[in-house]
Structures are given as structure tokens and as C-alpha cells.
N, C-alpha and C. Protein backbone atom coordinates (compact mmCIF):
# COMPACT_ATOMS: atom_id res chain seq x y z
N UNK A 1 0.82 -1.20 0.00
CA UNK A 1 0.00 0.00 0.00
C UNK A 1 0.86 1.27 0.00
N UNK A 2 1.95 1.24 0.78
CA UNK A 2 2.85 2.38 0.85
C UNK A 2 3.48 2.68 -0.50
N UNK A 3 3.79 1.64 -1.27
CA UNK A 3 4.37 1.84 -2.60
C UNK A 3 3.38 2.49 -3.54
N UNK A 4 2.11 2.13 -3.43
CA UNK A 4 1.09 2.75 -4.28
C UNK A 4 0.97 4.23 -4.00
N UNK A 5 1.02 4.60 -2.72
CA UNK A 5 0.94 6.01 -2.35
C UNK A 5 2.15 6.77 -2.90
N UNK A 6 3.34 6.19 -2.75
CA UNK A 6 4.54 6.84 -3.29
C UNK A 6 4.47 6.98 -4.80
N UNK A 7 3.99 5.95 -5.48
CA UNK A 7 3.86 6.00 -6.93
C UNK A 7 2.88 7.08 -7.35
N UNK A 8 1.76 7.18 -6.64
CA UNK A 8 0.75 8.19 -6.96
C UNK A 8 1.30 9.60 -6.74
N UNK A 9 2.04 9.80 -5.65
CA UNK A 9 2.64 11.10 -5.37
C UNK A 9 3.67 11.44 -6.45
N UNK A 10 4.47 10.46 -6.85
CA UNK A 10 5.46 10.67 -7.90
C UNK A 10 4.82 11.05 -9.21
N UNK A 11 3.72 10.39 -9.59
CA UNK A 11 3.02 10.73 -10.82
C UNK A 11 2.41 12.12 -10.74
N UNK A 12 1.88 12.48 -9.59
CA UNK A 12 1.28 13.80 -9.41
C UNK A 12 2.36 14.89 -9.54
N UNK A 13 3.54 14.62 -9.00
CA UNK A 13 4.63 15.59 -9.07
C UNK A 13 5.05 15.83 -10.50
N UNK A 14 4.91 14.85 -11.36
CA UNK A 14 5.30 15.01 -12.76
C UNK A 14 4.32 15.89 -13.52
N UNK A 15 3.13 16.09 -13.01
CA UNK A 15 2.15 16.95 -13.67
C UNK A 15 2.51 18.43 -13.54
N UNK A 16 3.29 18.78 -12.53
CA UNK A 16 3.64 20.18 -12.29
C UNK A 16 4.77 20.60 -13.23
N UNK A 17 4.72 21.81 -13.78
CA UNK A 17 5.82 22.28 -14.62
C UNK A 17 7.09 22.42 -13.79
N UNK A 18 8.21 22.31 -14.43
CA UNK A 18 9.50 22.34 -13.76
C UNK A 18 9.84 23.74 -13.23
N UNK A 19 9.21 24.76 -13.73
CA UNK A 19 9.46 26.15 -13.30
C UNK A 19 10.92 26.55 -13.53
N UNK A 20 11.47 26.12 -14.65
CA UNK A 20 12.83 26.49 -15.01
C UNK A 20 12.79 27.53 -16.13
N UNK A 21 13.63 28.53 -16.04
CA UNK A 21 13.72 29.52 -17.10
C UNK A 21 12.49 30.41 -17.19
N UNK A 22 12.29 30.96 -18.37
CA UNK A 22 11.15 31.85 -18.64
C UNK A 22 10.83 31.76 -20.12
N UNK A 23 9.64 32.16 -20.50
CA UNK A 23 9.30 32.16 -21.92
C UNK A 23 10.20 33.12 -22.70
N UNK A 24 10.53 32.77 -23.91
CA UNK A 24 11.37 33.60 -24.77
C UNK A 24 10.50 34.68 -25.40
N UNK A 25 10.99 35.91 -25.39
CA UNK A 25 10.24 37.01 -26.00
C UNK A 25 10.38 36.94 -27.51
N UNK A 26 9.48 37.61 -28.20
CA UNK A 26 9.53 37.66 -29.67
C UNK A 26 10.82 38.31 -30.14
N UNK A 27 11.28 39.35 -29.43
CA UNK A 27 12.52 40.04 -29.82
C UNK A 27 13.73 39.10 -29.66
N UNK A 28 13.75 38.33 -28.57
CA UNK A 28 14.86 37.38 -28.36
C UNK A 28 14.85 36.30 -29.45
N UNK A 29 13.67 35.83 -29.78
CA UNK A 29 13.56 34.79 -30.81
C UNK A 29 14.01 35.33 -32.16
N UNK A 30 13.62 36.55 -32.50
CA UNK A 30 14.01 37.15 -33.77
C UNK A 30 15.52 37.32 -33.85
N UNK A 31 16.14 37.73 -32.73
CA UNK A 31 17.58 37.96 -32.71
C UNK A 31 18.35 36.66 -32.94
N UNK A 32 17.82 35.54 -32.48
CA UNK A 32 18.52 34.26 -32.61
C UNK A 32 18.07 33.44 -33.82
N UNK A 33 16.98 33.83 -34.44
CA UNK A 33 16.41 33.06 -35.54
C UNK A 33 17.05 33.47 -36.87
N UNK A 34 18.35 33.22 -36.98
CA UNK A 34 19.06 33.52 -38.21
C UNK A 34 19.89 32.30 -38.59
N UNK A 35 20.16 32.20 -39.86
CA UNK A 35 21.07 31.18 -40.36
C UNK A 35 22.14 31.91 -41.15
N UNK A 36 23.38 31.77 -40.72
CA UNK A 36 24.49 32.44 -41.40
C UNK A 36 25.28 31.38 -42.16
N UNK A 37 25.40 31.58 -43.46
CA UNK A 37 26.11 30.64 -44.32
C UNK A 37 27.54 31.12 -44.57
N UNK A 38 28.42 30.22 -45.00
CA UNK A 38 29.81 30.63 -45.28
C UNK A 38 29.92 31.77 -46.29
N UNK A 39 28.97 31.86 -47.24
CA UNK A 39 29.03 32.92 -48.24
C UNK A 39 28.48 34.25 -47.72
N UNK A 40 28.09 34.31 -46.46
CA UNK A 40 27.60 35.54 -45.86
C UNK A 40 26.10 35.69 -45.88
N UNK A 41 25.41 34.83 -46.62
CA UNK A 41 23.95 34.92 -46.66
C UNK A 41 23.41 34.72 -45.23
N UNK A 42 22.54 35.61 -44.84
CA UNK A 42 21.95 35.54 -43.51
C UNK A 42 22.58 36.49 -42.51
N UNK A 43 23.73 37.08 -42.84
CA UNK A 43 24.32 38.05 -41.93
C UNK A 43 23.45 39.30 -41.89
N UNK A 44 23.24 39.85 -40.72
CA UNK A 44 22.43 41.07 -40.63
C UNK A 44 23.23 42.31 -40.99
N UNK A 45 22.53 43.41 -41.17
CA UNK A 45 23.20 44.69 -41.39
C UNK A 45 23.98 45.06 -40.15
N UNK A 46 25.01 45.82 -40.34
CA UNK A 46 25.86 46.25 -39.25
C UNK A 46 27.29 46.29 -39.72
N UNK A 47 28.18 46.78 -38.87
CA UNK A 47 29.59 46.83 -39.23
C UNK A 47 30.43 47.06 -37.99
N UNK A 48 31.71 46.75 -38.13
CA UNK A 48 32.66 46.99 -37.05
C UNK A 48 34.07 46.75 -37.51
N UNK A 49 35.00 47.48 -36.93
CA UNK A 49 36.43 47.31 -37.23
C UNK A 49 37.13 46.85 -35.96
N UNK A 50 38.35 46.36 -36.14
CA UNK A 50 39.13 45.86 -35.00
C UNK A 50 39.33 46.95 -33.94
N UNK A 51 39.47 48.18 -34.38
CA UNK A 51 39.66 49.27 -33.42
C UNK A 51 38.43 49.43 -32.52
N UNK A 52 37.24 49.21 -33.07
CA UNK A 52 36.01 49.24 -32.28
C UNK A 52 35.90 47.99 -31.41
N UNK A 53 36.32 46.88 -31.96
CA UNK A 53 36.17 45.60 -31.29
C UNK A 53 37.06 45.43 -30.07
N UNK A 54 38.17 46.15 -30.03
CA UNK A 54 39.07 46.02 -28.88
C UNK A 54 38.38 46.39 -27.58
N UNK A 55 37.63 47.49 -27.58
CA UNK A 55 36.92 47.92 -26.36
C UNK A 55 35.84 46.91 -25.98
N UNK A 56 35.10 46.43 -26.96
CA UNK A 56 34.05 45.43 -26.68
C UNK A 56 34.70 44.16 -26.13
N UNK A 57 35.79 43.73 -26.75
CA UNK A 57 36.49 42.53 -26.30
C UNK A 57 36.94 42.68 -24.85
N UNK A 58 37.56 43.80 -24.54
CA UNK A 58 38.06 44.01 -23.18
C UNK A 58 36.93 43.99 -22.15
N UNK A 59 35.76 44.54 -22.52
CA UNK A 59 34.62 44.58 -21.59
C UNK A 59 33.85 43.27 -21.52
N UNK A 60 33.77 42.54 -22.61
CA UNK A 60 32.89 41.37 -22.67
C UNK A 60 33.61 40.02 -22.75
N UNK A 61 34.86 40.00 -23.19
CA UNK A 61 35.52 38.72 -23.50
C UNK A 61 36.79 38.45 -22.71
N UNK A 62 37.54 39.50 -22.39
CA UNK A 62 38.87 39.35 -21.80
C UNK A 62 38.86 38.62 -20.46
N UNK A 63 37.81 38.76 -19.69
CA UNK A 63 37.79 38.11 -18.37
C UNK A 63 37.87 36.59 -18.49
N UNK A 64 37.39 36.03 -19.59
CA UNK A 64 37.49 34.58 -19.81
C UNK A 64 38.65 34.20 -20.73
N UNK A 65 38.84 34.96 -21.80
CA UNK A 65 39.80 34.59 -22.85
C UNK A 65 41.15 35.29 -22.73
N UNK A 66 41.32 36.12 -21.71
CA UNK A 66 42.58 36.83 -21.52
C UNK A 66 42.59 38.15 -22.26
N UNK A 67 43.41 39.10 -21.81
CA UNK A 67 43.41 40.43 -22.40
C UNK A 67 43.82 40.46 -23.87
N UNK A 68 44.56 39.46 -24.32
CA UNK A 68 45.00 39.43 -25.72
C UNK A 68 44.54 38.17 -26.45
N UNK A 69 43.56 37.47 -25.91
CA UNK A 69 43.06 36.25 -26.55
C UNK A 69 43.93 35.04 -26.31
N UNK A 70 44.82 35.11 -25.33
CA UNK A 70 45.75 34.02 -25.06
C UNK A 70 45.11 32.86 -24.31
N UNK A 71 43.89 33.05 -23.84
CA UNK A 71 43.19 31.99 -23.11
C UNK A 71 43.49 32.02 -21.63
N UNK A 72 42.56 31.47 -20.87
CA UNK A 72 42.68 31.35 -19.43
C UNK A 72 41.99 30.05 -19.04
N UNK A 73 42.10 29.63 -17.80
CA UNK A 73 41.44 28.36 -17.42
C UNK A 73 39.95 28.32 -17.75
N UNK A 74 39.25 29.45 -17.66
CA UNK A 74 37.82 29.45 -17.92
C UNK A 74 37.45 29.79 -19.36
N UNK A 75 38.43 30.09 -20.21
CA UNK A 75 38.14 30.44 -21.60
C UNK A 75 39.26 30.02 -22.52
N UNK A 76 38.90 29.50 -23.68
CA UNK A 76 39.89 28.98 -24.62
C UNK A 76 40.73 30.08 -25.25
N UNK A 77 41.86 29.67 -25.77
CA UNK A 77 42.75 30.57 -26.50
C UNK A 77 42.09 30.92 -27.83
N UNK A 78 42.13 32.19 -28.22
CA UNK A 78 41.50 32.65 -29.45
C UNK A 78 42.49 33.12 -30.50
N UNK A 79 43.72 33.37 -30.08
CA UNK A 79 44.72 33.96 -30.97
C UNK A 79 45.94 33.05 -31.04
N UNK A 80 46.53 32.95 -32.25
CA UNK A 80 47.74 32.16 -32.43
C UNK A 80 47.44 30.79 -33.00
N UNK A 81 48.46 29.96 -33.00
CA UNK A 81 48.29 28.58 -33.44
C UNK A 81 48.23 28.34 -34.93
N UNK A 82 48.33 29.39 -35.74
CA UNK A 82 48.24 29.19 -37.19
C UNK A 82 49.39 28.30 -37.65
N UNK A 83 49.06 27.25 -38.37
CA UNK A 83 50.04 26.29 -38.85
C UNK A 83 50.33 25.16 -37.88
N UNK A 84 49.66 25.14 -36.75
CA UNK A 84 49.95 24.11 -35.73
C UNK A 84 49.06 22.88 -35.80
N UNK A 85 48.02 22.90 -36.60
CA UNK A 85 47.04 21.80 -36.56
C UNK A 85 47.64 20.45 -36.93
N UNK A 86 48.63 20.41 -37.81
CA UNK A 86 49.24 19.14 -38.21
C UNK A 86 50.38 18.74 -37.28
N UNK A 87 50.66 19.54 -36.27
CA UNK A 87 51.77 19.25 -35.36
C UNK A 87 51.33 18.31 -34.24
N UNK A 88 52.29 17.91 -33.42
CA UNK A 88 52.00 17.05 -32.28
C UNK A 88 51.18 17.78 -31.22
N UNK A 89 51.24 19.11 -31.22
CA UNK A 89 50.50 19.93 -30.25
C UNK A 89 49.67 20.99 -30.97
N UNK A 90 48.57 20.57 -31.61
CA UNK A 90 47.76 21.56 -32.34
C UNK A 90 47.09 22.55 -31.39
N UNK A 91 47.02 23.78 -31.84
CA UNK A 91 46.36 24.84 -31.07
C UNK A 91 45.18 25.31 -31.91
N UNK A 92 43.99 25.03 -31.44
CA UNK A 92 42.77 25.42 -32.17
C UNK A 92 42.30 26.79 -31.71
N UNK A 93 42.41 27.74 -32.60
CA UNK A 93 41.99 29.11 -32.30
C UNK A 93 41.14 29.63 -33.46
N UNK A 94 40.67 30.85 -33.32
CA UNK A 94 39.93 31.49 -34.41
C UNK A 94 40.79 31.52 -35.67
N UNK A 95 42.07 31.82 -35.52
CA UNK A 95 42.95 31.94 -36.68
C UNK A 95 43.43 30.62 -37.25
N UNK A 96 43.57 29.61 -36.41
CA UNK A 96 44.15 28.36 -36.90
C UNK A 96 43.13 27.32 -37.31
N UNK A 97 41.93 27.35 -36.74
CA UNK A 97 41.00 26.24 -36.92
C UNK A 97 39.76 26.58 -37.76
N UNK A 98 39.14 27.70 -37.48
CA UNK A 98 37.86 28.02 -38.11
C UNK A 98 38.03 28.20 -39.61
N UNK A 99 37.18 27.56 -40.42
CA UNK A 99 37.32 27.68 -41.88
C UNK A 99 36.68 28.92 -42.48
N UNK A 100 35.70 29.52 -41.79
CA UNK A 100 34.99 30.68 -42.35
C UNK A 100 34.83 31.77 -41.30
N UNK A 101 35.11 32.99 -41.68
CA UNK A 101 34.93 34.12 -40.77
C UNK A 101 33.46 34.32 -40.42
N UNK A 102 32.56 33.95 -41.32
CA UNK A 102 31.13 34.08 -41.04
C UNK A 102 30.71 33.14 -39.91
N UNK A 103 31.36 31.98 -39.81
CA UNK A 103 31.06 31.05 -38.72
C UNK A 103 31.53 31.60 -37.38
N UNK A 104 32.66 32.30 -37.41
CA UNK A 104 33.15 32.94 -36.19
C UNK A 104 32.12 33.97 -35.73
N UNK A 105 31.65 34.81 -36.65
CA UNK A 105 30.64 35.82 -36.32
C UNK A 105 29.40 35.15 -35.73
N UNK A 106 28.92 34.11 -36.38
CA UNK A 106 27.69 33.44 -35.95
C UNK A 106 27.84 32.86 -34.54
N UNK A 107 28.98 32.22 -34.28
CA UNK A 107 29.20 31.64 -32.95
C UNK A 107 29.25 32.72 -31.88
N UNK A 108 30.00 33.78 -32.13
CA UNK A 108 30.08 34.87 -31.15
C UNK A 108 28.70 35.46 -30.91
N UNK A 109 27.96 35.70 -31.98
CA UNK A 109 26.65 36.33 -31.87
C UNK A 109 25.66 35.47 -31.07
N UNK A 110 25.69 34.17 -31.27
CA UNK A 110 24.75 33.28 -30.60
C UNK A 110 25.17 32.91 -29.18
N UNK A 111 26.46 32.67 -28.97
CA UNK A 111 26.90 32.00 -27.74
C UNK A 111 27.71 32.86 -26.77
N UNK A 112 28.09 34.04 -27.15
CA UNK A 112 28.96 34.84 -26.29
C UNK A 112 28.29 36.16 -25.93
N UNK A 113 28.71 36.75 -24.81
CA UNK A 113 29.57 36.20 -23.79
C UNK A 113 28.86 35.09 -23.02
N UNK A 114 29.64 34.24 -22.40
CA UNK A 114 29.11 33.05 -21.75
C UNK A 114 28.02 33.37 -20.72
N UNK A 115 28.18 34.47 -19.99
CA UNK A 115 27.20 34.83 -18.96
C UNK A 115 25.97 35.54 -19.52
N UNK A 116 25.98 35.94 -20.78
CA UNK A 116 24.84 36.58 -21.43
C UNK A 116 24.84 36.25 -22.92
N UNK A 117 24.69 34.99 -23.28
CA UNK A 117 24.77 34.64 -24.71
C UNK A 117 23.73 35.37 -25.55
N UNK A 118 24.16 35.80 -26.72
CA UNK A 118 23.25 36.49 -27.63
C UNK A 118 23.00 37.94 -27.29
N UNK A 119 23.73 38.48 -26.34
CA UNK A 119 23.46 39.86 -25.92
C UNK A 119 24.22 40.92 -26.72
N UNK A 120 25.20 40.51 -27.53
CA UNK A 120 25.94 41.49 -28.32
C UNK A 120 25.12 41.93 -29.53
N UNK A 121 25.17 43.20 -29.82
CA UNK A 121 24.50 43.71 -31.02
C UNK A 121 25.24 43.21 -32.26
N UNK A 122 24.62 43.36 -33.41
CA UNK A 122 25.28 42.98 -34.66
C UNK A 122 26.57 43.78 -34.84
N UNK A 123 26.52 45.08 -34.55
CA UNK A 123 27.71 45.92 -34.68
C UNK A 123 28.83 45.45 -33.75
N UNK A 124 28.49 45.17 -32.49
CA UNK A 124 29.50 44.71 -31.55
C UNK A 124 30.07 43.35 -31.98
N UNK A 125 29.23 42.50 -32.54
CA UNK A 125 29.71 41.19 -33.00
C UNK A 125 30.65 41.35 -34.19
N UNK A 126 30.31 42.22 -35.14
CA UNK A 126 31.22 42.49 -36.25
C UNK A 126 32.55 43.04 -35.72
N UNK A 127 32.48 43.93 -34.75
CA UNK A 127 33.68 44.55 -34.22
C UNK A 127 34.57 43.53 -33.49
N UNK A 128 34.00 42.69 -32.65
CA UNK A 128 34.77 41.68 -31.94
C UNK A 128 35.36 40.67 -32.93
N UNK A 129 34.58 40.28 -33.92
CA UNK A 129 35.08 39.37 -34.95
C UNK A 129 36.26 40.00 -35.67
N UNK A 130 36.14 41.27 -36.04
CA UNK A 130 37.24 41.98 -36.70
C UNK A 130 38.47 42.04 -35.79
N UNK A 131 38.26 42.30 -34.51
CA UNK A 131 39.36 42.37 -33.56
C UNK A 131 40.11 41.03 -33.51
N UNK A 132 39.38 39.92 -33.44
CA UNK A 132 40.02 38.60 -33.38
C UNK A 132 40.71 38.25 -34.69
N UNK A 133 40.09 38.60 -35.80
CA UNK A 133 40.73 38.35 -37.10
C UNK A 133 42.02 39.17 -37.23
N UNK A 134 41.99 40.41 -36.78
CA UNK A 134 43.18 41.27 -36.84
C UNK A 134 44.26 40.73 -35.91
N UNK A 135 43.90 40.31 -34.71
CA UNK A 135 44.89 39.78 -33.75
C UNK A 135 45.54 38.51 -34.28
N UNK A 136 44.83 37.79 -35.13
CA UNK A 136 45.38 36.58 -35.74
C UNK A 136 46.12 36.88 -37.05
N UNK A 137 46.24 38.16 -37.42
CA UNK A 137 46.97 38.55 -38.62
C UNK A 137 46.24 38.27 -39.92
N UNK A 138 44.93 38.13 -39.85
CA UNK A 138 44.14 37.77 -41.04
C UNK A 138 43.64 39.02 -41.77
N UNK A 139 43.31 40.07 -41.03
CA UNK A 139 42.89 41.34 -41.63
C UNK A 139 43.69 42.47 -40.99
N UNK A 140 43.58 43.66 -41.56
CA UNK A 140 44.23 44.85 -41.01
C UNK A 140 43.31 45.49 -39.97
N UNK A 141 43.89 46.25 -39.05
CA UNK A 141 43.11 46.90 -38.00
C UNK A 141 42.07 47.86 -38.57
N UNK A 142 42.34 48.44 -39.71
CA UNK A 142 41.42 49.41 -40.30
C UNK A 142 40.32 48.76 -41.16
N UNK A 143 40.42 47.46 -41.42
CA UNK A 143 39.40 46.79 -42.25
C UNK A 143 38.06 46.76 -41.53
N UNK A 144 37.02 47.16 -42.22
CA UNK A 144 35.67 47.17 -41.66
C UNK A 144 34.98 45.88 -42.08
N UNK A 145 34.46 45.16 -41.11
CA UNK A 145 33.73 43.92 -41.38
C UNK A 145 32.23 44.22 -41.35
N UNK A 146 31.54 43.72 -42.37
CA UNK A 146 30.09 43.86 -42.46
C UNK A 146 29.55 42.66 -43.23
N UNK A 147 28.29 42.70 -43.59
CA UNK A 147 27.67 41.55 -44.25
C UNK A 147 28.27 41.26 -45.62
N UNK A 148 28.94 42.21 -46.23
CA UNK A 148 29.58 41.98 -47.53
C UNK A 148 31.05 41.58 -47.39
N UNK A 149 31.79 42.27 -46.52
CA UNK A 149 33.23 42.04 -46.43
C UNK A 149 33.60 40.80 -45.64
N UNK A 150 32.81 40.41 -44.66
CA UNK A 150 33.17 39.28 -43.79
C UNK A 150 33.29 37.98 -44.58
N UNK A 151 32.37 37.75 -45.51
CA UNK A 151 32.41 36.51 -46.29
C UNK A 151 33.60 36.46 -47.24
N UNK A 152 34.21 37.60 -47.53
CA UNK A 152 35.36 37.65 -48.44
C UNK A 152 36.68 37.36 -47.72
N UNK A 153 36.65 37.27 -46.40
CA UNK A 153 37.86 36.99 -45.64
C UNK A 153 38.27 35.54 -45.88
N UNK A 154 39.51 35.35 -46.25
CA UNK A 154 40.03 34.00 -46.50
C UNK A 154 40.73 33.52 -45.23
N UNK A 155 40.12 32.55 -44.56
CA UNK A 155 40.68 32.02 -43.32
C UNK A 155 41.81 31.04 -43.64
N UNK A 156 42.85 31.00 -42.79
CA UNK A 156 43.99 30.11 -43.05
C UNK A 156 43.62 28.63 -43.17
N UNK A 157 42.60 28.18 -42.48
CA UNK A 157 42.22 26.77 -42.51
C UNK A 157 41.01 26.50 -43.41
N UNK A 158 40.76 27.38 -44.36
CA UNK A 158 39.59 27.24 -45.24
C UNK A 158 39.57 25.87 -45.91
N UNK A 159 40.71 25.38 -46.35
CA UNK A 159 40.76 24.10 -47.06
C UNK A 159 41.19 22.95 -46.16
N UNK A 160 41.17 23.16 -44.85
CA UNK A 160 41.64 22.14 -43.92
C UNK A 160 40.62 21.08 -43.57
N UNK A 161 39.38 21.25 -43.97
CA UNK A 161 38.34 20.27 -43.69
C UNK A 161 38.12 19.43 -44.94
N UNK A 162 37.92 18.15 -44.75
CA UNK A 162 37.77 17.20 -45.85
C UNK A 162 36.29 16.83 -45.95
N UNK A 163 35.72 16.87 -47.14
CA UNK A 163 34.31 16.47 -47.28
C UNK A 163 34.12 15.00 -46.85
N UNK A 164 33.00 14.74 -46.24
CA UNK A 164 32.68 13.38 -45.78
C UNK A 164 32.20 12.57 -46.98
N UNK A 165 32.93 11.53 -47.33
CA UNK A 165 32.61 10.76 -48.53
C UNK A 165 31.76 9.52 -48.24
N UNK A 166 31.36 9.32 -46.99
CA UNK A 166 30.52 8.15 -46.70
C UNK A 166 29.21 8.27 -47.48
N UNK A 167 28.76 7.16 -48.07
CA UNK A 167 27.54 7.24 -48.90
C UNK A 167 26.29 7.63 -48.12
N UNK A 168 26.23 7.30 -46.84
CA UNK A 168 25.03 7.63 -46.07
C UNK A 168 24.95 9.11 -45.69
N UNK A 169 26.02 9.87 -45.88
CA UNK A 169 26.00 11.29 -45.56
C UNK A 169 26.43 12.15 -46.75
N UNK A 170 26.56 11.53 -47.92
CA UNK A 170 26.97 12.26 -49.11
C UNK A 170 25.88 13.20 -49.60
N UNK A 171 26.13 13.95 -50.66
CA UNK A 171 25.18 14.94 -51.17
C UNK A 171 23.82 14.34 -51.52
N UNK A 172 23.79 13.16 -52.11
CA UNK A 172 22.50 12.55 -52.47
C UNK A 172 21.68 12.26 -51.22
N UNK A 173 22.34 11.76 -50.19
CA UNK A 173 21.64 11.45 -48.94
C UNK A 173 21.09 12.73 -48.31
N UNK A 174 21.90 13.81 -48.31
CA UNK A 174 21.44 15.07 -47.73
C UNK A 174 20.25 15.63 -48.52
N UNK A 175 20.29 15.52 -49.84
CA UNK A 175 19.18 16.02 -50.65
C UNK A 175 17.90 15.27 -50.34
N UNK A 176 17.99 13.96 -50.22
CA UNK A 176 16.81 13.17 -49.90
C UNK A 176 16.29 13.53 -48.52
N UNK A 177 17.18 13.73 -47.55
CA UNK A 177 16.76 14.08 -46.20
C UNK A 177 16.13 15.47 -46.19
N UNK A 178 16.70 16.42 -46.92
CA UNK A 178 16.10 17.76 -46.99
C UNK A 178 14.70 17.69 -47.57
N UNK A 179 14.50 16.84 -48.59
CA UNK A 179 13.18 16.69 -49.18
C UNK A 179 12.19 16.16 -48.14
N UNK A 180 12.60 15.17 -47.36
CA UNK A 180 11.74 14.63 -46.31
C UNK A 180 11.44 15.70 -45.28
N UNK A 181 12.45 16.45 -44.87
CA UNK A 181 12.25 17.50 -43.87
C UNK A 181 11.30 18.57 -44.38
N UNK A 182 11.38 18.94 -45.64
CA UNK A 182 10.48 19.97 -46.18
C UNK A 182 9.05 19.46 -46.21
N UNK A 183 8.87 18.18 -46.58
CA UNK A 183 7.52 17.64 -46.65
C UNK A 183 6.88 17.56 -45.28
N UNK A 184 7.71 17.28 -44.25
CA UNK A 184 7.14 17.12 -42.91
C UNK A 184 7.10 18.42 -42.13
N UNK A 185 7.64 19.49 -42.68
CA UNK A 185 7.68 20.77 -41.97
C UNK A 185 6.27 21.32 -41.82
N UNK A 186 6.08 22.03 -40.74
CA UNK A 186 4.77 22.63 -40.48
C UNK A 186 4.52 23.74 -41.50
N UNK A 187 3.25 24.00 -41.84
CA UNK A 187 2.94 25.11 -42.75
C UNK A 187 3.50 26.42 -42.20
N UNK A 188 3.89 27.30 -43.09
CA UNK A 188 4.45 28.62 -42.75
C UNK A 188 5.81 28.53 -42.08
N UNK A 189 6.48 27.39 -42.13
CA UNK A 189 7.82 27.30 -41.57
C UNK A 189 8.81 27.86 -42.58
N UNK A 190 10.06 28.05 -42.13
CA UNK A 190 11.08 28.62 -43.01
C UNK A 190 11.28 27.77 -44.26
N UNK A 191 11.16 26.44 -44.14
CA UNK A 191 11.42 25.60 -45.30
C UNK A 191 10.33 25.77 -46.37
N UNK A 192 9.14 26.26 -46.00
CA UNK A 192 8.09 26.49 -46.99
C UNK A 192 8.41 27.70 -47.86
N UNK A 193 9.20 28.63 -47.32
CA UNK A 193 9.44 29.87 -48.06
C UNK A 193 10.63 29.76 -49.00
N UNK A 194 11.28 28.62 -49.01
CA UNK A 194 12.46 28.45 -49.88
C UNK A 194 12.10 27.84 -51.19
């Protein structure tokens, strides 16, 4: 009998919401509801140069990643390591590992700073991205990054990734899966508008 009472109490407890977090506002959803492609499609309007990004970096990033992007125990190294990936001690940084500058922008915009992900404006994200690219010797301090110029940046590891040749994940498989996903997508979803 005691087990039945415990089971009933346990089931009743599962009916209550977990009370974790809060509902996402429409503005928050709009800010995060973007897809940024390597060619720059999907990047929002805005701009920033490394000179602008230094101040944003120092205020928002340096406490975890170090004052010069050298990394700290709580944040990875962001600068250096170019040419080290094939060595016995590869250093994965913005300059050595990432294949596209647009992916760097997208990651910073969505996930940083760690204590307030997604809180940087488009301009601040362009500026921080420019600052990191400049610190890695990829662009000049005066170069302005925006939705047109960022995709034109040639990252040192652009050709360092090898296409997956397995037949189950090849282009034909992805096309078939995309077709299935579009057919099963809810009306008025993003896939309907493509």
C-alpha cells in the first residue's frame, strides 16, 4: 500500500511544470532566428572594425579569454596557433581552426559572452570578430567587417576540412533528407518559403 501512495505522489509531481527559465520574448527569438552561411547569406546589417572591437572585447571577452586572446582556465585561446594543426600539439583558435569568418561571427553572436549569450548587437559582434581576425593577422586593424566584407575573408584553414565521402552522408543522402524534412515541416515554416 505504501508503494502505491509513493507512486501516486510521484506521478502527481510530474504533472507540475518544472518552473525552469522563462518564456522567450519575440525580440529574443528574432535575434537568434538567423542562419548564417559561409558565403555571408543571412548576416544582418551592421559593421565593425578591430579598433572598435578592442573595447568590446576588453569589456565582454577578456575576463574569460585573456586580455590578448591568449586563453585562461575558464576560456579557450582565441589567438595564435596558425600552422599548428598538423603538429603534435595543435592549437585550435579562431585563426588556426575556423574555416569561415562568417562562422566565427555566428558563434560569437549566438553564444557569447558566456554569462549573457546572444546579448551582443550585430555591430559589436562584427567589431569583436574583426578584432580577433586582426589579432590573428588575417585582416588589417582598419578593415571594416560587415555583411559583404566578412564573407570575403580567406581564413587560413579554409581548405583544412575534408568532405565526408561516406555514402550515407553524401550529397544525395542530404538532398533526400532535406526533401523529407520539407515535406514534414509545419505550414508557414522557413522551409516552406524556400
